[in-house]
Amino acid sequence: MSQITESQRSEVSRALSQKSVTALYVKLVYDVIVSWKSYTAVMELPDDVIFCLDRLFDKMETDHGVQDDCYVITVYDIPLQL
């Protein structure tokens, strides 16, 4: 398992220290950071689930091409009670 740099760790901490962190948001952020390498430039993580999903779909379009069909997805984003 690779380690992330201090600047990457700082960005993850910033993203996860928001007021309304949900389990879905944590999962989506995790899916982003597992692909990071120590030499990966620090990028700002999305601030909410909608932006995370938007970034995920952008990556899927880049990897697999744009599909002609359009799908509507409803996301229920319920904040964690910590």
N, C-alpha and C. Protein backbone atom coordinates (compact mmCIF):
# COMPACT_ATOMS: atom_id res chain seq x y z
N MET A 1 0.84 -1.18 0.00
CA MET A 1 0.00 0.00 0.00
C MET A 1 0.89 1.24 0.00
N SER A 2 0.60 2.17 -0.90
CA SER A 2 1.42 3.37 -0.97
C SER A 2 0.96 4.40 0.05
N GLN A 3 1.84 5.30 0.36
CA GLN A 3 1.53 6.35 1.32
C GLN A 3 1.30 7.65 0.57
N ILE A 4 0.49 8.51 1.17
CA ILE A 4 0.27 9.82 0.57
C ILE A 4 1.18 10.83 1.25
N THR A 5 1.42 11.93 0.57
CA THR A 5 2.30 12.97 1.11
C THR A 5 1.54 13.81 2.13
N GLU A 6 2.28 14.65 2.83
CA GLU A 6 1.65 15.53 3.83
C GLU A 6 0.67 16.49 3.19
N SER A 7 0.99 17.02 2.01
CA SER A 7 0.06 17.94 1.35
C SER A 7 -1.20 17.21 0.89
N GLN A 8 -1.06 15.96 0.44
CA GLN A 8 -2.23 15.17 0.08
C GLN A 8 -3.08 14.87 1.32
N ARG A 9 -2.40 14.50 2.40
CA ARG A 9 -3.09 14.21 3.66
C ARG A 9 -3.85 15.45 4.16
N SER A 10 -3.25 16.61 4.00
CA SER A 10 -3.88 17.86 4.41
C SER A 10 -5.17 18.11 3.62
N GLU A 11 -5.14 17.84 2.32
CA GLU A 11 -6.33 18.02 1.49
C GLU A 11 -7.43 17.04 1.89
N VAL A 12 -7.07 15.81 2.20
CA VAL A 12 -8.05 14.82 2.64
C VAL A 12 -8.66 15.26 3.97
N SER A 13 -7.84 15.73 4.88
CA SER A 13 -8.34 16.20 6.18
C SER A 13 -9.29 17.37 6.00
N ARG A 14 -8.94 18.29 5.11
CA ARG A 14 -9.80 19.44 4.84
C ARG A 14 -11.16 18.99 4.32
N ALA A 15 -11.14 18.06 3.38
CA ALA A 15 -12.38 17.59 2.77
C ALA A 15 -13.26 16.86 3.78
N LEU A 16 -12.65 16.07 4.65
CA LEU A 16 -13.43 15.27 5.60
C LEU A 16 -13.79 16.02 6.88
N SER A 17 -13.31 17.24 7.03
CA SER A 17 -13.64 18.00 8.24
C SER A 17 -14.83 18.93 8.03
N GLN A 18 -15.53 18.78 6.94
CA GLN A 18 -16.71 19.60 6.68
C GLN A 18 -17.83 19.25 7.65
N LYS A 19 -18.80 20.14 7.75
CA LYS A 19 -19.90 19.95 8.69
C LYS A 19 -20.82 18.80 8.31
N SER A 20 -21.09 18.63 7.03
CA SER A 20 -22.09 17.63 6.63
C SER A 20 -21.46 16.49 5.84
N VAL A 21 -20.56 15.77 6.46
CA VAL A 21 -19.93 14.63 5.82
C VAL A 21 -20.87 13.43 5.91
N THR A 22 -21.09 12.78 4.78
CA THR A 22 -21.96 11.61 4.74
C THR A 22 -21.13 10.37 4.41
N ALA A 23 -21.70 9.22 4.63
CA ALA A 23 -21.01 7.97 4.31
C ALA A 23 -20.74 7.88 2.81
N LEU A 24 -21.69 8.32 2.01
CA LEU A 24 -21.51 8.31 0.56
C LEU A 24 -20.36 9.22 0.15
N TYR A 25 -20.28 10.39 0.75
CA TYR A 25 -19.18 11.32 0.45
C TYR A 25 -17.82 10.71 0.81
N VAL A 26 -17.74 10.09 1.98
CA VAL A 26 -16.49 9.45 2.41
C VAL A 26 -16.08 8.38 1.41
N LYS A 27 -17.03 7.57 0.96
CA LYS A 27 -16.75 6.51 -0.01
C LYS A 27 -16.25 7.10 -1.33
N LEU A 28 -16.89 8.15 -1.80
CA LEU A 28 -16.48 8.76 -3.07
C LEU A 28 -15.10 9.40 -2.97
N VAL A 29 -14.80 10.05 -1.84
CA VAL A 29 -13.46 10.63 -1.62
C VAL A 29 -12.43 9.50 -1.56
N TYR A 30 -12.76 8.43 -0.87
CA TYR A 30 -11.85 7.28 -0.79
C TYR A 30 -11.53 6.75 -2.19
N ASP A 31 -12.56 6.65 -3.04
CA ASP A 31 -12.35 6.16 -4.40
C ASP A 31 -11.39 7.06 -5.19
N VAL A 32 -11.37 8.34 -4.87
CA VAL A 32 -10.44 9.26 -5.53
C VAL A 32 -9.02 9.06 -4.99
N ILE A 33 -8.89 9.02 -3.68
CA ILE A 33 -7.54 9.03 -3.12
C ILE A 33 -6.81 7.69 -3.24
N VAL A 34 -7.52 6.60 -3.43
CA VAL A 34 -6.81 5.33 -3.58
C VAL A 34 -6.01 5.28 -4.88
N SER A 35 -6.36 6.13 -5.83
CA SER A 35 -5.62 6.15 -7.09
C SER A 35 -4.42 7.09 -7.04
N TRP A 36 -4.29 7.87 -5.97
CA TRP A 36 -3.17 8.81 -5.85
C TRP A 36 -1.86 8.06 -5.62
N LYS A 37 -0.83 8.58 -6.19
CA LYS A 37 0.54 8.14 -5.93
C LYS A 37 1.23 9.26 -5.16
N SER A 38 2.37 8.98 -4.58
CA SER A 38 3.08 10.02 -3.83
C SER A 38 3.50 11.17 -4.75
N TYR A 39 3.65 10.90 -6.03
CA TYR A 39 4.06 11.95 -6.97
C TYR A 39 2.86 12.62 -7.65
N THR A 40 1.64 12.19 -7.31
CA THR A 40 0.45 12.81 -7.88
C THR A 40 0.31 14.22 -7.32
N ALA A 41 0.10 15.17 -8.22
CA ALA A 41 -0.10 16.55 -7.78
C ALA A 41 -1.33 16.65 -6.90
N VAL A 42 -1.24 17.47 -5.87
CA VAL A 42 -2.37 17.63 -4.96
C VAL A 42 -3.48 18.34 -5.71
N MET A 43 -4.66 17.70 -5.70
CA MET A 43 -5.80 18.35 -6.32
C MET A 43 -6.88 18.52 -5.28
N GLU A 44 -7.63 19.59 -5.44
CA GLU A 44 -8.69 19.87 -4.47
C GLU A 44 -9.80 18.84 -4.63
N LEU A 45 -10.16 18.22 -3.53
CA LEU A 45 -11.25 17.25 -3.54
C LEU A 45 -12.58 17.98 -3.59
N PRO A 46 -13.57 17.41 -4.27
CA PRO A 46 -14.89 18.05 -4.34
C PRO A 46 -15.47 18.22 -2.93
N ASP A 47 -16.28 19.27 -2.78
CA ASP A 47 -16.84 19.59 -1.46
C ASP A 47 -18.14 18.88 -1.13
N ASP A 48 -18.78 18.26 -2.11
CA ASP A 48 -20.02 17.55 -1.80
C ASP A 48 -20.22 16.38 -2.75
N VAL A 49 -21.24 15.59 -2.48
CA VAL A 49 -21.50 14.36 -3.23
C VAL A 49 -21.77 14.64 -4.70
N ILE A 50 -22.51 15.69 -4.99
CA ILE A 50 -22.86 15.99 -6.38
C ILE A 50 -21.59 16.25 -7.19
N PHE A 51 -20.67 17.04 -6.65
CA PHE A 51 -19.41 17.31 -7.36
C PHE A 51 -18.55 16.05 -7.46
N CYS A 52 -18.58 15.20 -6.44
CA CYS A 52 -17.84 13.93 -6.50
C CYS A 52 -18.38 13.06 -7.63
N LEU A 53 -19.70 12.95 -7.71
CA LEU A 53 -20.32 12.15 -8.77
C LEU A 53 -20.03 12.74 -10.14
N ASP A 54 -20.06 14.06 -10.24
CA ASP A 54 -19.75 14.73 -11.50
C ASP A 54 -18.34 14.40 -11.95
N ARG A 55 -17.40 14.44 -11.01
CA ARG A 55 -16.01 14.11 -11.33
C ARG A 55 -15.87 12.63 -11.72
N LEU A 56 -16.61 11.76 -11.03
CA LEU A 56 -16.59 10.34 -11.34
C LEU A 56 -17.10 10.08 -12.76
N PHE A 57 -18.22 10.72 -13.12
CA PHE A 57 -18.76 10.54 -14.46
C PHE A 57 -17.83 11.13 -15.53
N ASP A 58 -17.17 12.25 -15.21
CA ASP A 58 -16.18 12.80 -16.15
C ASP A 58 -15.06 11.81 -16.40
N LYS A 59 -14.58 11.17 -15.33
CA LYS A 59 -13.52 10.18 -15.47
C LYS A 59 -13.99 8.97 -16.28
N MET A 60 -15.23 8.54 -16.03
CA MET A 60 -15.78 7.41 -16.79
C MET A 60 -15.89 7.76 -18.28
N GLU A 61 -16.30 8.99 -18.59
CA GLU A 61 -16.39 9.42 -19.98
C GLU A 61 -15.01 9.45 -20.63
N THR A 62 -14.01 9.90 -19.87
CA THR A 62 -12.64 9.94 -20.39
C THR A 62 -12.12 8.53 -20.64
N ASP A 63 -12.39 7.63 -19.70
CA ASP A 63 -11.90 6.25 -19.81
C ASP A 63 -12.64 5.42 -20.85
N HIS A 64 -13.96 5.64 -20.97
CA HIS A 64 -14.79 4.75 -21.78
C HIS A 64 -15.52 5.43 -22.93
N GLY A 65 -15.41 6.73 -23.04
CA GLY A 65 -16.12 7.45 -24.09
C GLY A 65 -17.52 7.85 -23.64
N VAL A 66 -18.09 8.79 -24.36
CA VAL A 66 -19.42 9.29 -24.03
C VAL A 66 -20.46 8.40 -24.68
N GLN A 67 -21.48 8.05 -23.92
CA GLN A 67 -22.57 7.22 -24.42
C GLN A 67 -23.68 8.11 -24.98
N ASP A 68 -24.43 7.59 -25.92
CA ASP A 68 -25.55 8.33 -26.51
C ASP A 68 -26.72 8.42 -25.55
N ASP A 69 -26.90 7.40 -24.73
CA ASP A 69 -28.02 7.36 -23.80
C ASP A 69 -27.72 8.22 -22.58
N CYS A 70 -28.74 8.79 -22.02
CA CYS A 70 -28.60 9.61 -20.82
C CYS A 70 -29.43 8.98 -19.71
N TYR A 71 -28.86 8.85 -18.56
CA TYR A 71 -29.55 8.26 -17.43
C TYR A 71 -29.70 9.29 -16.33
N VAL A 72 -30.80 9.23 -15.62
CA VAL A 72 -31.04 10.12 -14.50
C VAL A 72 -30.81 9.33 -13.23
N ILE A 73 -30.02 9.89 -12.33
CA ILE A 73 -29.70 9.22 -11.07
C ILE A 73 -30.18 10.09 -9.92
N THR A 74 -30.88 9.49 -8.99
CA THR A 74 -31.30 10.19 -7.79
C THR A 74 -30.38 9.76 -6.65
N VAL A 75 -29.84 10.73 -5.96
CA VAL A 75 -28.92 10.45 -4.87
C VAL A 75 -29.56 10.92 -3.57
N TYR A 76 -29.66 10.01 -2.62
CA TYR A 76 -30.11 10.36 -1.29
C TYR A 76 -28.88 10.49 -0.42
N ASP A 77 -28.60 11.69 -0.02
CA ASP A 77 -27.38 11.99 0.73
C ASP A 77 -27.76 12.40 2.14
N ILE A 78 -27.70 11.44 3.06
CA ILE A 78 -28.12 11.67 4.43
C ILE A 78 -26.89 11.85 5.30
N PRO A 79 -26.76 12.99 6.00
CA PRO A 79 -25.57 13.24 6.83
C PRO A 79 -25.39 12.20 7.93
N LEU A 80 -24.12 11.90 8.22
CA LEU A 80 -23.80 10.98 9.31
C LEU A 80 -24.07 11.66 10.64
N GLN A 81 -24.55 10.91 11.58
CA GLN A 81 -24.72 11.41 12.93
C GLN A 81 -23.54 10.92 13.76
N LEU A 82 -22.56 11.77 13.93
CA LEU A 82 -21.34 11.37 14.66
C LEU A 82 -21.45 11.65 16.13
